All heavy atoms as atom14 arrays in JSON, in Angstrom:
{
  "sequence": "VLKAPEGPPVTLLNPGGGEWSGFNFHAPDAATARAWL",
  "atom14_mask": [
    [1, 1, 1, 1, 1, 1, 1, 0, 0, 0, 0, 0, 0, 0],
    [1, 1, 1, 1, 1, 1, 1, 1, 0, 0, 0, 0, 0, 0],
    [1, 1, 1, 1, 1, 1, 1, 1, 1, 0, 0, 0, 0, 0],
    [1, 1, 1, 1, 1, 0, 0, 0, 0, 0, 0, 0, 0, 0],
    [1, 1, 1, 1, 1, 1, 1, 0, 0, 0, 0, 0, 0, 0],
    [1, 1, 1, 1, 1, 1, 1, 1, 1, 0, 0, 0, 0, 0],
    [1, 1, 1, 1, 0, 0, 0, 0, 0, 0, 0, 0, 0, 0],
    [1, 1, 1, 1, 1, 1, 1, 0, 0, 0, 0, 0, 0, 0],
    [1, 1, 1, 1, 1, 1, 1, 0, 0, 0, 0, 0, 0, 0],
    [1, 1, 1, 1, 1, 1, 1, 0, 0, 0, 0, 0, 0, 0],
    [1, 1, 1, 1, 1, 1, 1, 0, 0, 0, 0, 0, 0, 0],
    [1, 1, 1, 1, 1, 1, 1, 1, 0, 0, 0, 0, 0, 0],
    [1, 1, 1, 1, 1, 1, 1, 1, 0, 0, 0, 0, 0, 0],
    [1, 1, 1, 1, 1, 1, 1, 1, 0, 0, 0, 0, 0, 0],
    [1, 1, 1, 1, 1, 1, 1, 0, 0, 0, 0, 0, 0, 0],
    [1, 1, 1, 1, 0, 0, 0, 0, 0, 0, 0, 0, 0, 0],
    [1, 1, 1, 1, 0, 0, 0, 0, 0, 0, 0, 0, 0, 0],
    [1, 1, 1, 1, 0, 0, 0, 0, 0, 0, 0, 0, 0, 0],
    [1, 1, 1, 1, 1, 1, 1, 1, 1, 0, 0, 0, 0, 0],
    [1, 1, 1, 1, 1, 1, 1, 1, 1, 1, 1, 1, 1, 1],
    [1, 1, 1, 1, 1, 1, 0, 0, 0, 0, 0, 0, 0, 0],
    [1, 1, 1, 1, 0, 0, 0, 0, 0, 0, 0, 0, 0, 0],
    [1, 1, 1, 1, 1, 1, 1, 1, 1, 1, 1, 0, 0, 0],
    [1, 1, 1, 1, 1, 1, 1, 1, 0, 0, 0, 0, 0, 0],
    [1, 1, 1, 1, 1, 1, 1, 1, 1, 1, 1, 0, 0, 0],
    [1, 1, 1, 1, 1, 1, 1, 1, 1, 1, 0, 0, 0, 0],
    [1, 1, 1, 1, 1, 0, 0, 0, 0, 0, 0, 0, 0, 0],
    [1, 1, 1, 1, 1, 1, 1, 0, 0, 0, 0, 0, 0, 0],
    [1, 1, 1, 1, 1, 1, 1, 1, 0, 0, 0, 0, 0, 0],
    [1, 1, 1, 1, 1, 0, 0, 0, 0, 0, 0, 0, 0, 0],
    [1, 1, 1, 1, 1, 0, 0, 0, 0, 0, 0, 0, 0, 0],
    [1, 1, 1, 1, 1, 1, 1, 0, 0, 0, 0, 0, 0, 0],
    [1, 1, 1, 1, 1, 0, 0, 0, 0, 0, 0, 0, 0, 0],
    [1, 1, 1, 1, 1, 1, 1, 1, 1, 1, 1, 0, 0, 0],
    [1, 1, 1, 1, 1, 0, 0, 0, 0, 0, 0, 0, 0, 0],
    [1, 1, 1, 1, 1, 1, 1, 1, 1, 1, 1, 1, 1, 1],
    [1, 1, 1, 1, 1, 1, 1, 1, 0, 0, 0, 0, 0, 0]
  ],
  "atom14_positions": [
    [[-75.15, -48.4, -7.81], [-76.49, -48.98, -7.87], [-76.95, -49.09, -9.22], [-76.89, -48.06, -9.95], [-77.43, -48.15, -6.93], [-78.87, -48.85, -7.02], [-77.02, -48.09, -5.55], [0.0, 0.0, 0.0], [0.0, 0.0, 0.0], [0.0, 0.0, 0.0], [0.0, 0.0, 0.0], [0.0, 0.0, 0.0], [0.0, 0.0, 0.0], [0.0, 0.0, 0.0]],
    [[-77.37, -50.34, -9.65], [-77.81, -50.59, -11.04], [-79.26, -50.95, -11.05], [-79.72, -51.51, -10.07], [-77.03, -51.82, -11.68], [-75.49, -51.66, -11.51], [-74.84, -53.02, -11.83], [-74.99, -50.59, -12.39], [0.0, 0.0, 0.0], [0.0, 0.0, 0.0], [0.0, 0.0, 0.0], [0.0, 0.0, 0.0], [0.0, 0.0, 0.0], [0.0, 0.0, 0.0]],
    [[-79.88, -50.66, -12.12], [-81.3, -50.98, -12.24], [-81.47, -52.27, -13.04], [-81.1, -52.34, -14.23], [-82.0, -49.81, -13.01], [-83.6, -50.05, -13.22], [-84.31, -48.99, -13.68], [-85.85, -49.06, -13.89], [-86.41, -50.05, -12.99], [0.0, 0.0, 0.0], [0.0, 0.0, 0.0], [0.0, 0.0, 0.0], [0.0, 0.0, 0.0], [0.0, 0.0, 0.0]],
    [[-81.98, -53.3, -12.34], [-82.31, -54.59, -13.0], [-83.67, -54.47, -13.81], [-84.42, -53.52, -13.26], [-82.36, -55.68, -12.04], [0.0, 0.0, 0.0], [0.0, 0.0, 0.0], [0.0, 0.0, 0.0], [0.0, 0.0, 0.0], [0.0, 0.0, 0.0], [0.0, 0.0, 0.0], [0.0, 0.0, 0.0], [0.0, 0.0, 0.0], [0.0, 0.0, 0.0]],
    [[-83.91, -55.09, -14.73], [-85.14, -55.03, -15.52], [-86.45, -55.13, -14.63], [-87.35, -54.52, -14.81], [-85.09, -55.97, -16.61], [-83.61, -56.35, -16.65], [-83.1, -56.08, -15.34], [0.0, 0.0, 0.0], [0.0, 0.0, 0.0], [0.0, 0.0, 0.0], [0.0, 0.0, 0.0], [0.0, 0.0, 0.0], [0.0, 0.0, 0.0], [0.0, 0.0, 0.0]],
    [[-86.36, -56.07, -13.67], [-87.46, -56.29, -12.82], [-86.83, -56.69, -11.51], [-85.71, -56.97, -11.3], [-88.2, -57.59, -13.22], [-88.91, -57.43, -14.52], [-89.71, -58.75, -14.99], [-90.1, -59.48, -14.17], [-89.93, -58.83, -16.12], [0.0, 0.0, 0.0], [0.0, 0.0, 0.0], [0.0, 0.0, 0.0], [0.0, 0.0, 0.0], [0.0, 0.0, 0.0]],
    [[-87.64, -56.4, -10.43], [-87.19, -56.68, -9.06], [-86.39, -55.55, -8.52], [-86.27, -54.38, -9.04], [0.0, 0.0, 0.0], [0.0, 0.0, 0.0], [0.0, 0.0, 0.0], [0.0, 0.0, 0.0], [0.0, 0.0, 0.0], [0.0, 0.0, 0.0], [0.0, 0.0, 0.0], [0.0, 0.0, 0.0], [0.0, 0.0, 0.0], [0.0, 0.0, 0.0]],
    [[-85.73, -55.74, -7.37], [-85.08, -54.67, -6.66], [-83.75, -54.38, -7.48], [-83.22, -54.98, -8.22], [-84.67, -55.34, -5.3], [-84.73, -56.78, -5.59], [-85.62, -57.02, -6.57], [0.0, 0.0, 0.0], [0.0, 0.0, 0.0], [0.0, 0.0, 0.0], [0.0, 0.0, 0.0], [0.0, 0.0, 0.0], [0.0, 0.0, 0.0], [0.0, 0.0, 0.0]],
    [[-83.23, -53.24, -7.15], [-81.92, -52.82, -7.77], [-80.8, -53.61, -7.39], [-80.9, -54.48, -6.25], [-81.72, -51.29, -7.35], [-82.72, -51.0, -6.36], [-83.75, -52.11, -6.32], [0.0, 0.0, 0.0], [0.0, 0.0, 0.0], [0.0, 0.0, 0.0], [0.0, 0.0, 0.0], [0.0, 0.0, 0.0], [0.0, 0.0, 0.0], [0.0, 0.0, 0.0]],
    [[-79.66, -53.71, -7.97], [-78.35, -54.34, -7.63], [-77.4, -53.32, -7.2], [-77.14, -52.46, -8.02], [-78.02, -55.22, -8.74], [-76.62, -55.91, -8.43], [-79.06, -56.29, -9.09], [0.0, 0.0, 0.0], [0.0, 0.0, 0.0], [0.0, 0.0, 0.0], [0.0, 0.0, 0.0], [0.0, 0.0, 0.0], [0.0, 0.0, 0.0], [0.0, 0.0, 0.0]],
    [[-76.8, -53.52, -5.91], [-75.81, -52.62, -5.52], [-74.45, -53.42, -5.59], [-74.3, -54.34, -4.97], [-76.12, -52.16, -4.06], [-77.36, -51.47, -4.06], [-75.06, -51.22, -3.67], [0.0, 0.0, 0.0], [0.0, 0.0, 0.0], [0.0, 0.0, 0.0], [0.0, 0.0, 0.0], [0.0, 0.0, 0.0], [0.0, 0.0, 0.0], [0.0, 0.0, 0.0]],
    [[-73.5, -52.72, -6.19], [-72.11, -53.24, -6.32], [-71.33, -52.57, -5.11], [-71.43, -51.38, -4.96], [-71.43, -52.93, -7.62], [-72.14, -53.36, -8.9], [-71.43, -52.84, -10.02], [-72.31, -54.92, -8.95], [0.0, 0.0, 0.0], [0.0, 0.0, 0.0], [0.0, 0.0, 0.0], [0.0, 0.0, 0.0], [0.0, 0.0, 0.0], [0.0, 0.0, 0.0]],
    [[-70.75, -53.33, -4.35], [-70.03, -52.75, -3.09], [-68.98, -53.62, -2.82], [-68.7, -54.78, -3.0], [-70.96, -52.51, -1.94], [-71.18, -53.78, -1.01], [-71.59, -53.27, 0.44], [-72.22, -54.8, -1.55], [0.0, 0.0, 0.0], [0.0, 0.0, 0.0], [0.0, 0.0, 0.0], [0.0, 0.0, 0.0], [0.0, 0.0, 0.0], [0.0, 0.0, 0.0]],
    [[-67.93, -52.88, -2.13], [-66.79, -53.61, -1.55], [-66.81, -53.3, -0.09], [-66.52, -52.26, 0.45], [-65.36, -53.08, -2.12], [-64.29, -53.65, -1.48], [-64.32, -54.39, -0.49], [-63.12, -53.46, -2.19], [0.0, 0.0, 0.0], [0.0, 0.0, 0.0], [0.0, 0.0, 0.0], [0.0, 0.0, 0.0], [0.0, 0.0, 0.0], [0.0, 0.0, 0.0]],
    [[-67.35, -54.37, 0.68], [-67.37, -54.25, 2.11], [-66.02, -54.42, 2.92], [-66.16, -54.31, 4.15], [-68.2, -55.34, 2.56], [-68.05, -56.46, 1.46], [-67.76, -55.68, 0.24], [0.0, 0.0, 0.0], [0.0, 0.0, 0.0], [0.0, 0.0, 0.0], [0.0, 0.0, 0.0], [0.0, 0.0, 0.0], [0.0, 0.0, 0.0], [0.0, 0.0, 0.0]],
    [[-64.97, -54.48, 2.22], [-63.72, -54.61, 2.77], [-63.68, -55.95, 3.5], [-64.19, -56.92, 2.95], [0.0, 0.0, 0.0], [0.0, 0.0, 0.0], [0.0, 0.0, 0.0], [0.0, 0.0, 0.0], [0.0, 0.0, 0.0], [0.0, 0.0, 0.0], [0.0, 0.0, 0.0], [0.0, 0.0, 0.0], [0.0, 0.0, 0.0], [0.0, 0.0, 0.0]],
    [[-63.03, -56.1, 4.63], [-62.9, -57.32, 5.25], [-64.08, -57.54, 6.33], [-64.04, -58.51, 7.03], [0.0, 0.0, 0.0], [0.0, 0.0, 0.0], [0.0, 0.0, 0.0], [0.0, 0.0, 0.0], [0.0, 0.0, 0.0], [0.0, 0.0, 0.0], [0.0, 0.0, 0.0], [0.0, 0.0, 0.0], [0.0, 0.0, 0.0], [0.0, 0.0, 0.0]],
    [[-65.01, -56.58, 6.32], [-66.06, -56.75, 7.27], [-67.25, -57.66, 6.82], [-67.24, -58.1, 5.78], [0.0, 0.0, 0.0], [0.0, 0.0, 0.0], [0.0, 0.0, 0.0], [0.0, 0.0, 0.0], [0.0, 0.0, 0.0], [0.0, 0.0, 0.0], [0.0, 0.0, 0.0], [0.0, 0.0, 0.0], [0.0, 0.0, 0.0], [0.0, 0.0, 0.0]],
    [[-68.18, -57.82, 7.77], [-69.38, -58.62, 7.52], [-70.29, -57.85, 6.57], [-70.25, -56.54, 6.52], [-70.2, -58.87, 8.84], [-69.69, -59.96, 9.64], [-70.56, -60.27, 10.7], [-70.64, -59.49, 11.66], [-71.28, -61.31, 10.61], [0.0, 0.0, 0.0], [0.0, 0.0, 0.0], [0.0, 0.0, 0.0], [0.0, 0.0, 0.0], [0.0, 0.0, 0.0]],
    [[-71.0, -58.55, 5.75], [-71.92, -57.91, 4.89], [-73.22, -58.86, 4.72], [-73.1, -60.08, 4.96], [-71.27, -57.48, 3.61], [-70.83, -58.65, 2.73], [-69.84, -59.55, 3.03], [-71.47, -59.08, 1.45], [-69.77, -60.4, 2.09], [-70.83, -60.19, 1.07], [-72.33, -58.61, 0.77], [-70.9, -60.95, -0.11], [-72.66, -59.24, -0.53], [-72.0, -60.33, -0.92]],
    [[-74.2, -58.2, 4.11], [-75.39, -59.06, 3.77], [-75.57, -59.06, 2.29], [-75.1, -58.33, 1.63], [-76.74, -58.37, 4.5], [-76.61, -58.15, 5.82], [0.0, 0.0, 0.0], [0.0, 0.0, 0.0], [0.0, 0.0, 0.0], [0.0, 0.0, 0.0], [0.0, 0.0, 0.0], [0.0, 0.0, 0.0], [0.0, 0.0, 0.0], [0.0, 0.0, 0.0]],
    [[-76.3, -60.16, 1.85], [-76.51, -60.32, 0.44], [-77.58, -59.46, -0.11], [-77.59, -59.21, -1.33], [0.0, 0.0, 0.0], [0.0, 0.0, 0.0], [0.0, 0.0, 0.0], [0.0, 0.0, 0.0], [0.0, 0.0, 0.0], [0.0, 0.0, 0.0], [0.0, 0.0, 0.0], [0.0, 0.0, 0.0], [0.0, 0.0, 0.0], [0.0, 0.0, 0.0]],
    [[-78.35, -58.94, 0.85], [-79.48, -58.01, 0.47], [-79.96, -57.19, 1.76], [-79.48, -57.48, 2.74], [-80.68, -58.83, -0.15], [-81.39, -59.77, 0.88], [-82.48, -59.28, 1.72], [-80.83, -60.95, 1.22], [-83.14, -60.09, 2.55], [-81.39, -61.76, 2.13], [-82.62, -61.27, 2.84], [0.0, 0.0, 0.0], [0.0, 0.0, 0.0], [0.0, 0.0, 0.0]],
    [[-80.89, -56.3, 1.51], [-81.5, -55.6, 2.69], [-82.98, -55.46, 2.4], [-83.49, -55.44, 1.36], [-80.8, -54.33, 2.99], [-80.98, -53.2, 2.17], [-81.63, -53.35, 1.08], [-80.16, -52.19, 2.24], [0.0, 0.0, 0.0], [0.0, 0.0, 0.0], [0.0, 0.0, 0.0], [0.0, 0.0, 0.0], [0.0, 0.0, 0.0], [0.0, 0.0, 0.0]],
    [[-83.59, -55.31, 3.53], [-85.06, -55.03, 3.55], [-85.33, -53.54, 3.61], [-84.43, -52.76, 4.14], [-85.71, -55.66, 4.76], [-85.68, -57.08, 4.92], [-84.78, -57.72, 5.7], [-86.49, -57.89, 3.92], [-84.82, -59.13, 5.77], [-86.5, -59.25, 4.08], [-85.61, -59.9, 5.01], [0.0, 0.0, 0.0], [0.0, 0.0, 0.0], [0.0, 0.0, 0.0]],
    [[-86.44, -53.15, 3.11], [-86.74, -51.67, 3.28], [-87.87, -51.64, 4.31], [-88.82, -52.39, 4.5], [-87.37, -51.08, 2.09], [-87.79, -49.65, 2.19], [-89.09, -49.27, 2.49], [-87.01, -48.49, 2.16], [-89.18, -47.94, 2.54], [-87.95, -47.44, 2.32], [0.0, 0.0, 0.0], [0.0, 0.0, 0.0], [0.0, 0.0, 0.0], [0.0, 0.0, 0.0]],
    [[-87.73, -50.55, 5.22], [-88.84, -50.08, 6.14], [-89.02, -48.69, 6.06], [-88.04, -47.98, 5.84], [-88.38, -50.54, 7.58], [0.0, 0.0, 0.0], [0.0, 0.0, 0.0], [0.0, 0.0, 0.0], [0.0, 0.0, 0.0], [0.0, 0.0, 0.0], [0.0, 0.0, 0.0], [0.0, 0.0, 0.0], [0.0, 0.0, 0.0], [0.0, 0.0, 0.0]],
    [[-90.28, -48.24, 6.14], [-90.46, -46.87, 6.15], [-89.65, -46.0, 7.15], [-89.33, -44.78, 6.91], [-92.02, -46.59, 6.32], [-92.57, -47.99, 5.83], [-91.5, -49.0, 6.27], [0.0, 0.0, 0.0], [0.0, 0.0, 0.0], [0.0, 0.0, 0.0], [0.0, 0.0, 0.0], [0.0, 0.0, 0.0], [0.0, 0.0, 0.0], [0.0, 0.0, 0.0]],
    [[-89.53, -46.61, 8.32], [-88.82, -46.01, 9.42], [-87.77, -47.06, 10.04], [-88.28, -47.92, 10.73], [-89.71, -45.35, 10.41], [-89.05, -44.68, 11.6], [-87.84, -45.04, 12.02], [-89.61, -43.69, 11.97], [0.0, 0.0, 0.0], [0.0, 0.0, 0.0], [0.0, 0.0, 0.0], [0.0, 0.0, 0.0], [0.0, 0.0, 0.0], [0.0, 0.0, 0.0]],
    [[-86.54, -46.86, 9.78], [-85.6, -47.92, 10.31], [-85.53, -47.92, 11.91], [-85.46, -49.07, 12.48], [-84.17, -47.59, 9.83], [0.0, 0.0, 0.0], [0.0, 0.0, 0.0], [0.0, 0.0, 0.0], [0.0, 0.0, 0.0], [0.0, 0.0, 0.0], [0.0, 0.0, 0.0], [0.0, 0.0, 0.0], [0.0, 0.0, 0.0], [0.0, 0.0, 0.0]],
    [[-85.75, -46.86, 12.53], [-85.63, -46.78, 14.02], [-86.93, -47.52, 14.59], [-86.73, -48.4, 15.49], [-85.7, -45.38, 14.55], [0.0, 0.0, 0.0], [0.0, 0.0, 0.0], [0.0, 0.0, 0.0], [0.0, 0.0, 0.0], [0.0, 0.0, 0.0], [0.0, 0.0, 0.0], [0.0, 0.0, 0.0], [0.0, 0.0, 0.0], [0.0, 0.0, 0.0]],
    [[-88.02, -47.45, 13.92], [-89.21, -48.09, 14.31], [-88.99, -49.61, 14.08], [-89.35, -50.56, 14.86], [-90.49, -47.61, 13.58], [-90.66, -46.26, 14.0], [-91.73, -48.45, 13.99], [0.0, 0.0, 0.0], [0.0, 0.0, 0.0], [0.0, 0.0, 0.0], [0.0, 0.0, 0.0], [0.0, 0.0, 0.0], [0.0, 0.0, 0.0], [0.0, 0.0, 0.0]],
    [[-88.46, -50.07, 12.9], [-88.26, -51.52, 12.68], [-87.31, -52.08, 13.61], [-87.38, -53.18, 14.04], [-87.7, -51.58, 11.08], [0.0, 0.0, 0.0], [0.0, 0.0, 0.0], [0.0, 0.0, 0.0], [0.0, 0.0, 0.0], [0.0, 0.0, 0.0], [0.0, 0.0, 0.0], [0.0, 0.0, 0.0], [0.0, 0.0, 0.0], [0.0, 0.0, 0.0]],
    [[-86.19, -51.25, 13.98], [-85.25, -51.76, 14.98], [-85.86, -52.06, 16.22], [-85.73, -53.18, 16.81], [-84.18, -50.74, 15.02], [-82.93, -51.13, 15.91], [-81.86, -50.14, 15.82], [-80.83, -50.51, 16.74], [-80.79, -50.27, 18.16], [-81.72, -49.59, 18.64], [-79.71, -50.67, 18.74], [0.0, 0.0, 0.0], [0.0, 0.0, 0.0], [0.0, 0.0, 0.0]],
    [[-86.68, -51.08, 16.78], [-87.34, -51.38, 17.98], [-88.35, -52.57, 17.94], [-88.34, -53.29, 18.86], [-88.13, -49.99, 18.3], [0.0, 0.0, 0.0], [0.0, 0.0, 0.0], [0.0, 0.0, 0.0], [0.0, 0.0, 0.0], [0.0, 0.0, 0.0], [0.0, 0.0, 0.0], [0.0, 0.0, 0.0], [0.0, 0.0, 0.0], [0.0, 0.0, 0.0]],
    [[-88.98, -52.7, 16.86], [-89.83, -53.91, 16.64], [-89.09, -55.18, 16.7], [-89.59, -56.11, 17.42], [-90.65, -53.75, 15.28], [-91.65, -54.7, 14.98], [-92.93, -54.66, 15.41], [-91.49, -55.84, 14.1], [-93.59, -55.72, 14.86], [-92.71, -56.51, 14.23], [-90.42, -56.4, 13.51], [-92.96, -57.64, 13.37], [-90.73, -57.64, 12.77], [-91.96, -58.21, 12.74]],
    [[-87.94, -55.33, 16.18], [-87.12, -56.52, 16.21], [-86.57, -56.66, 17.57], [-86.51, -57.88, 18.13], [-86.01, -56.51, 15.29], [-86.38, -56.61, 13.78], [-85.38, -56.07, 12.89], [-86.69, -58.06, 13.44], [0.0, 0.0, 0.0], [0.0, 0.0, 0.0], [0.0, 0.0, 0.0], [0.0, 0.0, 0.0], [0.0, 0.0, 0.0], [0.0, 0.0, 0.0]]
  ]
}
């Protein structure tokens, strides 16, 4: 994980052959956000 000068950090990752997202959202509680969706 790298610190960009502004905005969110940048995460370098190798997702292998699986699916991946270009970014993620933050929620204070992932379980609550999941139930909401």
